[in-house]
C-alpha atoms as a PDB file:
ATOM      1  CA  MET A   1     -13.357  -7.493 -29.943  1.00  0.00           C
ATOM      2  CA  MET A   2     -11.411  -5.347 -31.678  1.00  0.00           C
ATOM      3  CA  MET A   3     -12.382  -2.446 -30.170  1.00  0.00           C
ATOM      4  CA  LEU A   4     -12.095  -3.364 -27.018  1.00  0.00           C
ATOM      5  CA  MET A   5      -8.534  -4.243 -27.762  1.00  0.00           C
ATOM      6  CA  ASP A   6      -7.818  -1.109 -28.999  1.00  0.00           C
ATOM      7  CA  ALA A   7      -9.554   0.590 -25.921  1.00  0.00           C
ATOM      8  CA  LEU A   8      -7.008  -1.613 -23.812  1.00  0.00           C
ATOM      9  CA  GLN A   9      -3.826  -0.961 -25.977  1.00  0.00           C
ATOM     10  CA  GLY A  10      -4.552   3.167 -25.223  1.00  0.00           C
ATOM     11  CA  LEU A  11      -5.222   2.579 -21.542  1.00  0.00           C
ATOM     12  CA  VAL A  12      -1.714   0.515 -21.263  1.00  0.00           C
ATOM     13  CA  SER A  13      -0.196   2.794 -23.699  1.00  0.00           C
ATOM     14  CA  VAL A  14      -1.237   6.125 -21.272  1.00  0.00           C
ATOM     15  CA  ASP A  15      -0.392   3.646 -18.104  1.00  0.00           C
ATOM     16  CA  THR A  16       3.382   3.495 -19.240  1.00  0.00           C
ATOM     17  CA  ASP A  17       3.873   7.229 -20.081  1.00  0.00           C
ATOM     18  CA  ILE A  18       2.146   8.078 -16.896  1.00  0.00           C
ATOM     19  CA  PHE A  19       4.740   5.642 -15.220  1.00  0.00           C
ATOM     20  CA  LEU A  20       7.735   7.050 -17.217  1.00  0.00           C
ATOM     21  CA  PHE A  21       6.620  10.796 -16.365  1.00  0.00           C
ATOM     22  CA  PHE A  22       7.039  10.230 -12.602  1.00  0.00           C
ATOM     23  CA  ASN A  23       9.523   7.638 -12.310  1.00  0.00           C
ATOM     24  CA  GLY A  24      11.836  10.055 -14.381  1.00  0.00           C
ATOM     25  CA  MET A  25      11.798  12.661 -11.527  1.00  0.00           C
ATOM     26  CA  HIS A  26      14.494  11.551  -9.228  1.00  0.00           C
ATOM     27  CA  ASN A  27      17.616  12.476  -7.188  1.00  0.00           C
ATOM     28  CA  THR A  28      19.858  10.835  -4.888  1.00  0.00           C
ATOM     29  CA  PHE A  29      18.156  12.143  -1.574  1.00  0.00           C
ATOM     30  CA  TRP A  30      14.882  10.662  -2.873  1.00  0.00           C
ATOM     31  CA  ASP A  31      16.186   7.602  -4.311  1.00  0.00           C
ATOM     32  CA  TYR A  32      17.580   6.528  -0.231  1.00  0.00           C
ATOM     33  CA  PHE A  33      14.296   8.173   0.872  1.00  0.00           C
ATOM     34  CA  MET A  34      11.722   6.161  -1.105  1.00  0.00           C
ATOM     35  CA  SER A  35      13.671   3.021  -1.094  1.00  0.00           C
ATOM     36  CA  ALA A  36      13.437   3.600   2.919  1.00  0.00           C
ATOM     37  CA  TYR A  37       9.881   4.119   3.100  1.00  0.00           C
ATOM     38  CA  SER A  38       8.760   0.923   0.889  1.00  0.00           C
ATOM     39  CA  GLY A  39      10.116  -1.006   3.094  1.00  0.00           C
ATOM     40  CA  LYS A  40       8.467  -2.990   5.684  1.00  0.00           C
ATOM     41  CA  TRP A  41      10.074  -3.256   8.802  1.00  0.00           C
ATOM     42  CA  GLN A  42      10.489   0.586   9.150  1.00  0.00           C
ATOM     43  CA  TRP A  43       6.979   0.480   9.818  1.00  0.00           C
ATOM     44  CA  ILE A  44       6.668  -1.997  12.879  1.00  0.00           C
ATOM     45  CA  PRO A  45       6.422   0.834  15.303  1.00  0.00           C
ATOM     46  CA  MET A  46       3.361   2.278  13.566  1.00  0.00           C
ATOM     47  CA  TYR A  47       1.547  -1.025  13.578  1.00  0.00           C
ATOM     48  CA  ALA A  48       2.749  -1.271  16.947  1.00  0.00           C
ATOM     49  CA  ALA A  49       0.308   1.813  17.893  1.00  0.00           C
ATOM     50  CA  LEU A  50      -2.381   0.769  15.759  1.00  0.00           C
ATOM     51  CA  LEU A  51      -2.565  -2.331  18.070  1.00  0.00           C
ATOM     52  CA  TYR A  52      -1.923   0.261  21.150  1.00  0.00           C
ATOM     53  CA  VAL A  53      -5.204   2.102  19.871  1.00  0.00           C
ATOM     54  CA  ILE A  54      -7.152  -0.848  18.807  1.00  0.00           C
ATOM     55  CA  GLY A  55      -6.716  -2.620  22.572  1.00  0.00           C
ATOM     56  CA  ARG A  56      -7.038   0.635  24.308  1.00  0.00           C
ATOM     57  CA  ASN A  57     -10.821   1.223  22.851  1.00  0.00           C
ATOM     58  CA  LEU A  58     -12.080  -2.326  22.404  1.00  0.00           C
ATOM     59  CA  SER A  59     -12.714  -5.137  24.889  1.00  0.00           C
ATOM     60  CA  TRP A  60     -10.157  -7.406  24.654  1.00  0.00           C
ATOM     61  CA  ARG A  61     -12.338  -9.901  22.917  1.00  0.00           C
ATOM     62  CA  THR A  62     -13.370  -7.389  20.208  1.00  0.00           C
ATOM     63  CA  ALA A  63      -9.697  -6.336  20.023  1.00  0.00           C
ATOM     64  CA  LEU A  64      -8.602 -10.059  19.364  1.00  0.00           C
ATOM     65  CA  MET A  65     -11.253 -10.552  16.447  1.00  0.00           C
ATOM     66  CA  CYS A  66     -10.119  -7.276  15.147  1.00  0.00           C
ATOM     67  CA  VAL A  67      -6.646  -7.803  14.618  1.00  0.00           C
ATOM     68  CA  ILE A  68      -7.699 -11.414  13.157  1.00  0.00           C
ATOM     69  CA  GLY A  69      -9.315  -9.327  10.695  1.00  0.00           C
ATOM     70  CA  VAL A  70      -6.308  -7.361  10.110  1.00  0.00           C
ATOM     71  CA  ALA A  71      -4.658 -10.164   9.076  1.00  0.00           C
ATOM     72  CA  LEU A  72      -7.200 -11.538   7.020  1.00  0.00           C
ATOM     73  CA  VAL A  73      -7.164  -8.504   5.037  1.00  0.00           C
ATOM     74  CA  ILE A  74      -3.625  -8.784   4.376  1.00  0.00           C
ATOM     75  CA  THR A  75      -3.859 -12.731   3.819  1.00  0.00           C
ATOM     76  CA  PHE A  76      -6.654 -11.675   1.154  1.00  0.00           C
ATOM     77  CA  ALA A  77      -4.768  -8.838  -0.740  1.00  0.00           C
ATOM     78  CA  ASP A  78      -1.663 -11.114  -0.751  1.00  0.00           C
ATOM     79  CA  GLN A  79      -3.182 -14.271  -2.387  1.00  0.00           C
ATOM     80  CA  VAL A  80      -5.527 -12.025  -4.477  1.00  0.00           C
ATOM     81  CA  CYS A  81      -2.964 -10.397  -5.760  1.00  0.00           C
ATOM     82  CA  ALA A  82      -0.283 -12.571  -5.985  1.00  0.00           C
ATOM     83  CA  THR A  83      -1.998 -16.246  -6.350  1.00  0.00           C
ATOM     84  CA  LEU A  84      -4.945 -15.517  -8.361  1.00  0.00           C
ATOM     85  CA  ILE A  85      -4.989 -12.689 -10.608  1.00  0.00           C
ATOM     86  CA  ARG A  86      -0.854 -12.103 -11.570  1.00  0.00           C
ATOM     87  CA  PRO A  87      -0.128 -15.870 -12.972  1.00  0.00           C
ATOM     88  CA  TYR A  88      -2.981 -15.052 -15.517  1.00  0.00           C
ATOM     89  CA  VAL A  89      -2.567 -11.536 -16.265  1.00  0.00           C
ATOM     90  CA  GLU A  90       0.948 -12.043 -16.407  1.00  0.00           C
ATOM     91  CA  ARG A  91       1.816  -8.166 -17.105  1.00  0.00           C
ATOM     92  CA  MET A  92       5.307  -7.616 -16.495  1.00  0.00           C
ATOM     93  CA  ARG A  93       6.950  -5.190 -13.827  1.00  0.00           C
ATOM     94  CA  PRO A  94       8.339  -2.065 -15.722  1.00  0.00           C
ATOM     95  CA  SER A  95      11.823  -2.850 -13.824  1.00  0.00           C
ATOM     96  CA  ASN A  96      11.690  -6.455 -15.652  1.00  0.00           C
ATOM     97  CA  LEU A  97      14.661  -6.936 -18.084  1.00  0.00           C
ATOM     98  CA  ASP A  98      12.543  -8.566 -20.281  1.00  0.00           C
ATOM     99  CA  ASN A  99       9.773  -5.322 -20.701  1.00  0.00           C
ATOM    100  CA  PRO A 100      10.990  -3.516 -23.639  1.00  0.00           C
ATOM    101  CA  ILE A 101      10.830  -0.290 -21.596  1.00  0.00           C
ATOM    102  CA  SER A 102      13.164  -1.342 -19.035  1.00  0.00           C
ATOM    103  CA  GLU A 103      16.340   0.601 -20.366  1.00  0.00           C
ATOM    104  CA  MET A 104      14.180   3.719 -19.631  1.00  0.00           C
ATOM    105  CA  VAL A 105      12.963   2.818 -16.138  1.00  0.00           C
ATOM    106  CA  HIS A 106      14.814   4.763 -12.962  1.00  0.00           C
ATOM    107  CA  ILE A 107      15.564   1.747 -10.446  1.00  0.00           C
ATOM    108  CA  VAL A 108      17.487   1.956  -7.097  1.00  0.00           C
ATOM    109  CA  ASN A 109      19.674  -0.500  -5.508  1.00  0.00           C
ATOM    110  CA  ASN A 110      19.227  -2.863  -8.468  1.00  0.00           C
ATOM    111  CA  HIS A 111      15.875  -3.778  -7.182  1.00  0.00           C
ATOM    112  CA  ARG A 112      13.863  -5.012  -9.748  1.00  0.00           C
ATOM    113  CA  GLY A 113      11.215  -7.151  -7.594  1.00  0.00           C
ATOM    114  CA  GLY A 114       9.344 -10.472  -9.161  1.00  0.00           C
ATOM    115  CA  ARG A 115       8.316 -10.924 -12.480  1.00  0.00           C
ATOM    116  CA  TYR A 116       5.159  -9.694 -13.034  1.00  0.00           C
ATOM    117  CA  GLY A 117       3.396  -6.863 -10.888  1.00  0.00           C
ATOM    118  CA  PHE A 118      -0.572  -6.395 -11.680  1.00  0.00           C
ATOM    119  CA  PRO A 119      -2.009  -5.990  -9.131  1.00  0.00           C
ATOM    120  CA  SER A 120       0.403  -4.440  -6.691  1.00  0.00           C
ATOM    121  CA  CYS A 121       0.487  -6.106  -3.216  1.00  0.00           C
ATOM    122  CA  HIS A 122       1.879  -2.940  -1.620  1.00  0.00           C
ATOM    123  CA  SER A 123      -0.920  -1.168  -2.838  1.00  0.00           C
ATOM    124  CA  ALA A 124      -3.511  -3.908  -1.891  1.00  0.00           C
ATOM    125  CA  ASN A 125      -2.127  -4.376   1.651  1.00  0.00           C
ATOM    126  CA  THR A 126      -1.603  -0.918   2.599  1.00  0.00           C
ATOM    127  CA  PHE A 127      -4.992   0.237   1.122  1.00  0.00           C
ATOM    128  CA  GLY A 128      -6.652  -2.737   3.088  1.00  0.00           C
ATOM    129  CA  LEU A 129      -5.424  -1.870   6.464  1.00  0.00           C
ATOM    130  CA  ALA A 130      -6.037   1.894   5.865  1.00  0.00           C
ATOM    131  CA  PHE A 131     -10.426   1.473   4.731  1.00  0.00           C
ATOM    132  CA  TYR A 132     -10.283  -1.293   7.241  1.00  0.00           C
ATOM    133  CA  LEU A 133      -9.064   1.164  10.053  1.00  0.00           C
ATOM    134  CA  PHE A 134     -11.727   3.995   8.671  1.00  0.00           C
ATOM    135  CA  PHE A 135     -14.383   1.423   8.717  1.00  0.00           C
ATOM    136  CA  LEU A 136     -13.227   0.388  12.537  1.00  0.00           C
ATOM    137  CA  PHE A 137     -12.650   4.150  13.779  1.00  0.00           C
ATOM    138  CA  ARG A 138     -13.885   6.634  11.520  1.00  0.00           C
ATOM    139  CA  ARG A 139     -11.466   9.626  12.981  1.00  0.00           C
ATOM    140  CA  ARG A 140     -10.743  11.980  10.636  1.00  0.00           C
ATOM    141  CA  TRP A 141      -7.137  12.889  11.231  1.00  0.00           C
ATOM    142  CA  LEU A 142      -6.455   8.823  11.848  1.00  0.00           C
ATOM    143  CA  THR A 143      -8.099   8.125   8.278  1.00  0.00           C
ATOM    144  CA  PHE A 144      -6.087  10.940   6.710  1.00  0.00           C
ATOM    145  CA  PHE A 145      -2.874  10.085   7.773  1.00  0.00           C
ATOM    146  CA  MET A 146      -3.583   6.076   6.953  1.00  0.00           C
ATOM    147  CA  MET A 147      -4.738   7.141   3.343  1.00  0.00           C
ATOM    148  CA  ALA A 148      -1.510   9.592   2.767  1.00  0.00           C
ATOM    149  CA  TRP A 149       0.441   6.605   4.134  1.00  0.00           C
ATOM    150  CA  ALA A 150      -1.061   4.496   1.388  1.00  0.00           C
ATOM    151  CA  VAL A 151      -0.887   6.999  -1.200  1.00  0.00           C
ATOM    152  CA  LEU A 152       3.022   7.695  -0.508  1.00  0.00           C
ATOM    153  CA  THR A 153       3.526   3.998  -0.337  1.00  0.00           C
ATOM    154  CA  CYS A 154       1.974   3.588  -3.975  1.00  0.00           C
ATOM    155  CA  TYR A 155       4.543   6.650  -5.013  1.00  0.00           C
ATOM    156  CA  SER A 156       7.472   4.877  -4.078  1.00  0.00           C
ATOM    157  CA  ARG A 157       6.670   1.601  -5.705  1.00  0.00           C
ATOM    158  CA  VAL A 158       6.531   3.697  -9.273  1.00  0.00           C
ATOM    159  CA  TYR A 159       9.418   5.848  -8.489  1.00  0.00           C
ATOM    160  CA  LEU A 160      11.432   2.615  -7.567  1.00  0.00           C
ATOM    161  CA  GLY A 161      10.323   1.558 -11.045  1.00  0.00           C
ATOM    162  CA  VAL A 162       8.582  -1.997  -9.979  1.00  0.00           C
ATOM    163  CA  HIS A 163       5.055  -0.842 -10.715  1.00  0.00           C
ATOM    164  CA  TYR A 164       2.648   0.920 -12.847  1.00  0.00           C
ATOM    165  CA  PRO A 165       0.083   3.258 -11.800  1.00  0.00           C
ATOM    166  CA  GLY A 166      -2.616   0.812 -12.679  1.00  0.00           C
ATOM    167  CA  ASP A 167      -0.908  -1.837 -10.856  1.00  0.00           C
ATOM    168  CA  LEU A 168      -1.550  -0.185  -7.962  1.00  0.00           C
ATOM    169  CA  LEU A 169      -5.073   1.499  -8.969  1.00  0.00           C
ATOM    170  CA  ALA A 170      -6.049  -2.345  -9.188  1.00  0.00           C
ATOM    171  CA  GLY A 171      -4.154  -3.101  -6.171  1.00  0.00           C
ATOM    172  CA  MET A 172      -6.115  -0.251  -4.053  1.00  0.00           C
ATOM    173  CA  LEU A 173      -9.440  -1.965  -5.159  1.00  0.00           C
ATOM    174  CA  VAL A 174      -8.792  -5.272  -3.861  1.00  0.00           C
ATOM    175  CA  GLY A 175      -7.563  -3.988  -0.439  1.00  0.00           C
ATOM    176  CA  LEU A 176     -10.909  -1.754  -0.736  1.00  0.00           C
ATOM    177  CA  ALA A 177     -12.851  -5.174  -1.600  1.00  0.00           C
ATOM    178  CA  GLY A 178     -10.908  -7.302   1.404  1.00  0.00           C
ATOM    179  CA  ALA A 179     -11.678  -4.675   4.013  1.00  0.00           C
ATOM    180  CA  CYS A 180     -15.049  -4.344   3.304  1.00  0.00           C
ATOM    181  CA  LEU A 181     -15.498  -8.225   3.284  1.00  0.00           C
ATOM    182  CA  VAL A 182     -13.113  -8.451   6.327  1.00  0.00           C
ATOM    183  CA  PHE A 183     -15.003  -5.865   8.229  1.00  0.00           C
ATOM    184  CA  PHE A 184     -18.617  -6.866   7.514  1.00  0.00           C
ATOM    185  CA  LEU A 185     -17.619 -10.682   8.915  1.00  0.00           C
ATOM    186  CA  PHE A 186     -15.964  -8.974  11.556  1.00  0.00           C
ATOM    187  CA  ARG A 187     -18.980  -7.240  12.524  1.00  0.00           C
ATOM    188  CA  LYS A 188     -21.054 -10.101  12.042  1.00  0.00           C
ATOM    189  CA  VAL A 189     -19.444 -12.031  14.242  1.00  0.00           C
ATOM    190  CA  SER A 190     -18.643  -9.178  17.433  1.00  0.00           C
ATOM    191  CA  GLY A 191     -21.340  -7.251  17.359  1.00  0.00           C
ATOM    192  CA  TYR A 192     -19.277  -4.246  17.079  1.00  0.00           C
ATOM    193  CA  LYS A 193     -20.705  -1.289  17.152  1.00  0.00           C
ATOM    194  CA  ARG A 194     -18.449   2.173  16.289  1.00  0.00           C
ATOM    195  CA  ALA A 195     -17.269   3.581  19.221  1.00  0.00           C
ATOM    196  CA  GLY A 196     -18.302   7.324  19.803  1.00  0.00           C
ATOM    197  CA  HIS A 197     -14.926   8.409  21.270  1.00  0.00           C
ATOM    198  CA  VAL A 198     -11.706   6.829  20.471  1.00  0.00           C
ATOM    199  CA  THR A 199      -8.713   7.649  22.694  1.00  0.00           C
ATOM    200  CA  HIS A 200      -5.100   8.051  21.696  1.00  0.00           C
ATOM    201  CA  ALA A 201      -5.780   7.662  18.014  1.00  0.00           C
ATOM    202  CA  ASN A 202      -3.191   9.991  17.408  1.00  0.00           C
ATOM    203  CA  VAL A 203      -0.471   7.643  18.589  1.00  0.00           C
ATOM    204  CA  PRO A 204      -0.035   5.869  15.120  1.00  0.00           C
ATOM    205  CA  ILE A 205       0.038   9.439  13.439  1.00  0.00           C
ATOM    206  CA  LEU A 206       2.589  10.344  15.606  1.00  0.00           C
ATOM    207  CA  THR A 207       4.337   7.490  15.574  1.00  0.00           C
ATOM    208  CA  GLY A 208       4.263   7.447  11.758  1.00  0.00           C
ATOM    209  CA  GLY A 209       5.260  10.423  11.383  1.00  0.00           C
ATOM    210  CA  LEU A 210       8.509   9.908  13.022  1.00  0.00           C
ATOM    211  CA  THR A 211       9.723   7.215  11.252  1.00  0.00           C
ATOM    212  CA  VAL A 212       9.017   9.939   8.158  1.00  0.00           C
ATOM    213  CA  VAL A 213      11.015  12.008   9.816  1.00  0.00           C
ATOM    214  CA  VAL A 214      13.820   9.753  10.753  1.00  0.00           C
ATOM    215  CA  MET A 215      13.487   8.433   6.924  1.00  0.00           C
ATOM    216  CA  LEU A 216      13.964  12.001   5.697  1.00  0.00           C
ATOM    217  CA  VAL A 217      17.131  12.277   8.133  1.00  0.00           C
ATOM    218  CA  TYR A 218      18.604   9.353   6.912  1.00  0.00           C
ATOM    219  CA  ALA A 219      18.506  10.014   3.120  1.00  0.00           C
ATOM    220  CA  ALA A 220      19.372  13.656   3.737  1.00  0.00           C
ATOM    221  CA  VAL A 221      22.459  12.403   5.289  1.00  0.00           C
ATOM    222  CA  MET A 222      22.953   9.551   2.942  1.00  0.00           C
ATOM    223  CA  SER A 223      23.019  11.679  -0.004  1.00  0.00           C
ATOM    224  CA  ALA A 224      25.173  14.472   1.267  1.00  0.00           C
END
């Protein structure tokens, strides 16, 4: 038992060191960019583009069940992280003022998040969506873009000081589990067979990429 506790303490220590290393690399430009990138409403155009691709390539019944599946993935991720795990693990966010390392943490706009952060809901939600779309379409560039979007979302949470890397890794696993479970149910209910050709798969990539460009311009103007 002591060996297990020592091993866990060692992992926590490494997790903290990695967090402080990446959180310590910051400047005004990235403060603005990461704060914007970590938001939710900015990504509505990309979400709309994803809905467009789903509707364009699936029958309306299958598309409706697919969208319900997306909602279930997000719900699963949120509830498992925030309701089932966080209250029992009770791992304080690095930014929490009760955390001994909080004085060393770089935060932006005085945003410290809630009290507990393990696992990360941001990580679970974004990776859940990314994996679900991977299972659905298996398009190389769309998968690459969505995974890169999820990874940068995770990095933004470390940059903003509200999550340890371990929080994000655990969130990713929750998102993967949710995507696997819901996609399995979706296929059973809808009888979905992966389409051989997916049209307009570049629309979410272009929309999301343009959103990132706008954020970069915004950060440059605000930090000038």
